[in-house]
Amino acid sequence: MSKVTVTGYNEVATRDGRTFITLELTGGLQIIQSSNTGNSYATVSKCRIPSTFDSTIAERMIGQQIPGDIVRVSVDPYNYVNKRTGEIMQLQHSYAFRPEGSLELIGQTQISELAMA
């Protein structure tokens, strides 16, 4: 089974004003072929998962590896702006963490949410 790495964290505010910490998880290197150009490129998948601890502990978690992988999940269409080219793309997928030995998906994250980090 693969492992993912904790590469960062964010403080997120809920609609009612409470805050909590999410961990950013990054999967292993993948080579993908562009559906637009046909060129291949290296990439990694990322997602965020909620946590129960504060930023002090989250900071200490950076670099830790967790057994599992990041999987692509089909979702309702949403728009994403490529920050490099300005192109607006309609995506129908997000990413989630799947712990080793589980079918549960945690932390479904749209591409636009990761781009803001």
C-alpha atoms as a PDB file:
ATOM      1  CA  MET A   1       0.000   0.000   0.000  1.00  0.00           C
ATOM      2  CA  SER A   2       1.091   3.532  -0.636  1.00  0.00           C
ATOM      3  CA  LYS A   3       1.757   6.241   1.881  1.00  0.00           C
ATOM      4  CA  VAL A   4       0.852   9.903   1.796  1.00  0.00           C
ATOM      5  CA  THR A   5       2.800  12.709   3.454  1.00  0.00           C
ATOM      6  CA  VAL A   6       1.446  15.547   5.594  1.00  0.00           C
ATOM      7  CA  THR A   7       2.752  18.615   3.735  1.00  0.00           C
ATOM      8  CA  GLY A   8       0.892  21.452   5.426  1.00  0.00           C
ATOM      9  CA  TYR A   9      -2.152  22.570   7.360  1.00  0.00           C
ATOM     10  CA  ASN A  10      -4.821  25.289   7.225  1.00  0.00           C
ATOM     11  CA  GLU A  11      -7.176  26.860   9.713  1.00  0.00           C
ATOM     12  CA  VAL A  12     -10.723  26.719   8.356  1.00  0.00           C
ATOM     13  CA  ALA A  13     -13.674  28.784   9.569  1.00  0.00           C
ATOM     14  CA  THR A  14     -17.148  27.263   9.634  1.00  0.00           C
ATOM     15  CA  ARG A  15     -20.278  29.238   8.749  1.00  0.00           C
ATOM     16  CA  ASP A  16     -21.042  29.725  12.429  1.00  0.00           C
ATOM     17  CA  GLY A  17     -17.592  31.203  13.116  1.00  0.00           C
ATOM     18  CA  ARG A  18     -15.885  28.211  14.726  1.00  0.00           C
ATOM     19  CA  THR A  19     -12.479  27.165  13.401  1.00  0.00           C
ATOM     20  CA  PHE A  20     -10.695  23.860  12.972  1.00  0.00           C
ATOM     21  CA  ILE A  21      -7.467  22.600  11.424  1.00  0.00           C
ATOM     22  CA  THR A  22      -7.210  20.593   8.208  1.00  0.00           C
ATOM     23  CA  LEU A  23      -4.081  18.693   7.216  1.00  0.00           C
ATOM     24  CA  GLU A  24      -2.900  18.813   3.621  1.00  0.00           C
ATOM     25  CA  LEU A  25      -1.883  15.358   2.386  1.00  0.00           C
ATOM     26  CA  THR A  26       0.252  14.787  -0.706  1.00  0.00           C
ATOM     27  CA  GLY A  27       0.477  11.491  -2.557  1.00  0.00           C
ATOM     28  CA  GLY A  28       3.337  10.035  -4.566  1.00  0.00           C
ATOM     29  CA  LEU A  29       4.661  11.102  -7.947  1.00  0.00           C
ATOM     30  CA  GLN A  30       2.510  10.240 -10.981  1.00  0.00           C
ATOM     31  CA  ILE A  31       3.097  10.694 -14.709  1.00  0.00           C
ATOM     32  CA  ILE A  32      -0.090  11.925 -16.425  1.00  0.00           C
ATOM     33  CA  GLN A  33      -0.855  12.557 -20.091  1.00  0.00           C
ATOM     34  CA  SER A  34      -2.655  15.835 -20.820  1.00  0.00           C
ATOM     35  CA  SER A  35      -6.027  15.366 -22.505  1.00  0.00           C
ATOM     36  CA  ASN A  36      -5.550  18.775 -24.211  1.00  0.00           C
ATOM     37  CA  THR A  37      -1.986  18.558 -25.549  1.00  0.00           C
ATOM     38  CA  GLY A  38      -1.152  14.848 -25.336  1.00  0.00           C
ATOM     39  CA  ASN A  39       2.083  15.747 -23.526  1.00  0.00           C
ATOM     40  CA  SER A  40       3.069  13.885 -20.383  1.00  0.00           C
ATOM     41  CA  TYR A  41       3.906  15.648 -17.123  1.00  0.00           C
ATOM     42  CA  ALA A  42       4.736  14.813 -13.519  1.00  0.00           C
ATOM     43  CA  THR A  43       2.207  15.608 -10.823  1.00  0.00           C
ATOM     44  CA  VAL A  44       1.090  14.669  -7.314  1.00  0.00           C
ATOM     45  CA  SER A  45      -2.422  14.430  -5.913  1.00  0.00           C
ATOM     46  CA  LYS A  46      -3.350  16.411  -2.817  1.00  0.00           C
ATOM     47  CA  CYS A  47      -6.298  16.639  -0.481  1.00  0.00           C
ATOM     48  CA  ARG A  48      -7.184  18.029   2.928  1.00  0.00           C
ATOM     49  CA  ILE A  49      -8.584  16.104   5.871  1.00  0.00           C
ATOM     50  CA  PRO A  50     -10.123  17.515   9.065  1.00  0.00           C
ATOM     51  CA  SER A  51      -8.315  17.120  12.379  1.00  0.00           C
ATOM     52  CA  THR A  52      -9.140  17.490  16.065  1.00  0.00           C
ATOM     53  CA  PHE A  53      -5.963  19.258  17.154  1.00  0.00           C
ATOM     54  CA  ASP A  54      -4.539  22.790  17.169  1.00  0.00           C
ATOM     55  CA  SER A  55      -1.970  24.419  14.875  1.00  0.00           C
ATOM     56  CA  THR A  56       0.924  23.611  17.227  1.00  0.00           C
ATOM     57  CA  ILE A  57       0.331  19.883  16.845  1.00  0.00           C
ATOM     58  CA  ALA A  58      -0.489  20.260  13.122  1.00  0.00           C
ATOM     59  CA  GLU A  59       2.906  21.917  12.584  1.00  0.00           C
ATOM     60  CA  ARG A  60       4.602  18.926  14.233  1.00  0.00           C
ATOM     61  CA  MET A  61       2.732  16.541  11.890  1.00  0.00           C
ATOM     62  CA  ILE A  62       4.332  18.009   8.742  1.00  0.00           C
ATOM     63  CA  GLY A  63       6.558  15.354   7.191  1.00  0.00           C
ATOM     64  CA  GLN A  64       4.723  12.444   8.831  1.00  0.00           C
ATOM     65  CA  GLN A  65       3.662   9.633   6.514  1.00  0.00           C
ATOM     66  CA  ILE A  66       0.287   7.895   6.746  1.00  0.00           C
ATOM     67  CA  PRO A  67      -0.538   4.511   5.158  1.00  0.00           C
ATOM     68  CA  GLY A  68      -3.140   4.979   2.412  1.00  0.00           C
ATOM     69  CA  ASP A  69      -3.509   6.822  -0.849  1.00  0.00           C
ATOM     70  CA  ILE A  70      -5.215   9.787  -2.455  1.00  0.00           C
ATOM     71  CA  VAL A  71      -7.940   8.825  -4.896  1.00  0.00           C
ATOM     72  CA  ARG A  72      -9.858  10.702  -7.567  1.00  0.00           C
ATOM     73  CA  VAL A  73     -13.587  11.091  -6.806  1.00  0.00           C
ATOM     74  CA  SER A  74     -16.373  12.071  -9.256  1.00  0.00           C
ATOM     75  CA  VAL A  75     -18.304  15.178  -8.153  1.00  0.00           C
ATOM     76  CA  ASP A  76     -20.755  17.697  -9.580  1.00  0.00           C
ATOM     77  CA  PRO A  77     -19.098  19.985 -12.167  1.00  0.00           C
ATOM     78  CA  TYR A  78     -17.307  23.113 -10.911  1.00  0.00           C
ATOM     79  CA  ASN A  79     -15.082  25.768 -12.501  1.00  0.00           C
ATOM     80  CA  TYR A  80     -11.334  25.959 -11.917  1.00  0.00           C
ATOM     81  CA  VAL A  81      -9.066  28.783 -13.118  1.00  0.00           C
ATOM     82  CA  ASN A  82      -5.553  27.703 -14.071  1.00  0.00           C
ATOM     83  CA  LYS A  83      -3.407  30.321 -12.295  1.00  0.00           C
ATOM     84  CA  ARG A  84      -0.572  29.896 -14.779  1.00  0.00           C
ATOM     85  CA  THR A  85      -2.584  30.302 -18.002  1.00  0.00           C
ATOM     86  CA  GLY A  86      -5.826  31.964 -16.836  1.00  0.00           C
ATOM     87  CA  GLU A  87      -7.792  29.217 -18.585  1.00  0.00           C
ATOM     88  CA  ILE A  88     -11.162  28.395 -17.019  1.00  0.00           C
ATOM     89  CA  MET A  89     -11.794  24.664 -16.945  1.00  0.00           C
ATOM     90  CA  GLN A  90     -14.856  22.759 -15.831  1.00  0.00           C
ATOM     91  CA  LEU A  91     -13.816  19.850 -13.647  1.00  0.00           C
ATOM     92  CA  GLN A  92     -15.895  16.924 -12.431  1.00  0.00           C
ATOM     93  CA  HIS A  93     -13.498  15.397  -9.938  1.00  0.00           C
ATOM     94  CA  SER A  94     -11.920  16.027  -6.578  1.00  0.00           C
ATOM     95  CA  TYR A  95      -9.518  14.065  -4.392  1.00  0.00           C
ATOM     96  CA  ALA A  96      -9.953  12.249  -1.085  1.00  0.00           C
ATOM     97  CA  PHE A  97      -7.778  10.244   1.281  1.00  0.00           C
ATOM     98  CA  ARG A  98      -8.409   6.493   1.553  1.00  0.00           C
ATOM     99  CA  PRO A  99      -6.743   4.967   4.638  1.00  0.00           C
ATOM    100  CA  GLU A 100      -4.948   1.653   4.175  1.00  0.00           C
ATOM    101  CA  GLY A 101      -7.363  -1.296   4.393  1.00  0.00           C
ATOM    102  CA  SER A 102     -10.470   0.909   4.293  1.00  0.00           C
ATOM    103  CA  LEU A 103     -13.100   1.843   1.721  1.00  0.00           C
ATOM    104  CA  GLU A 104     -13.877   5.082   3.593  1.00  0.00           C
ATOM    105  CA  LEU A 105     -12.952   8.307   1.809  1.00  0.00           C
ATOM    106  CA  ILE A 106     -11.929  11.265   3.963  1.00  0.00           C
ATOM    107  CA  GLY A 107     -11.560  14.932   3.107  1.00  0.00           C
ATOM    108  CA  GLN A 108     -12.956  15.293  -0.410  1.00  0.00           C
ATOM    109  CA  THR A 109     -11.162  18.369  -1.827  1.00  0.00           C
ATOM    110  CA  GLN A 110     -11.855  20.219  -5.070  1.00  0.00           C
ATOM    111  CA  ILE A 111      -8.872  21.385  -7.104  1.00  0.00           C
ATOM    112  CA  SER A 112      -9.773  25.076  -6.628  1.00  0.00           C
ATOM    113  CA  GLU A 113      -9.576  24.693  -2.823  1.00  0.00           C
ATOM    114  CA  LEU A 114      -6.030  23.373  -3.043  1.00  0.00           C
ATOM    115  CA  ALA A 115      -4.976  26.110  -5.439  1.00  0.00           C
ATOM    116  CA  MET A 116      -5.828  28.748  -2.817  1.00  0.00           C
ATOM    117  CA  ALA A 117      -3.368  27.310  -0.271  1.00  0.00           C
END
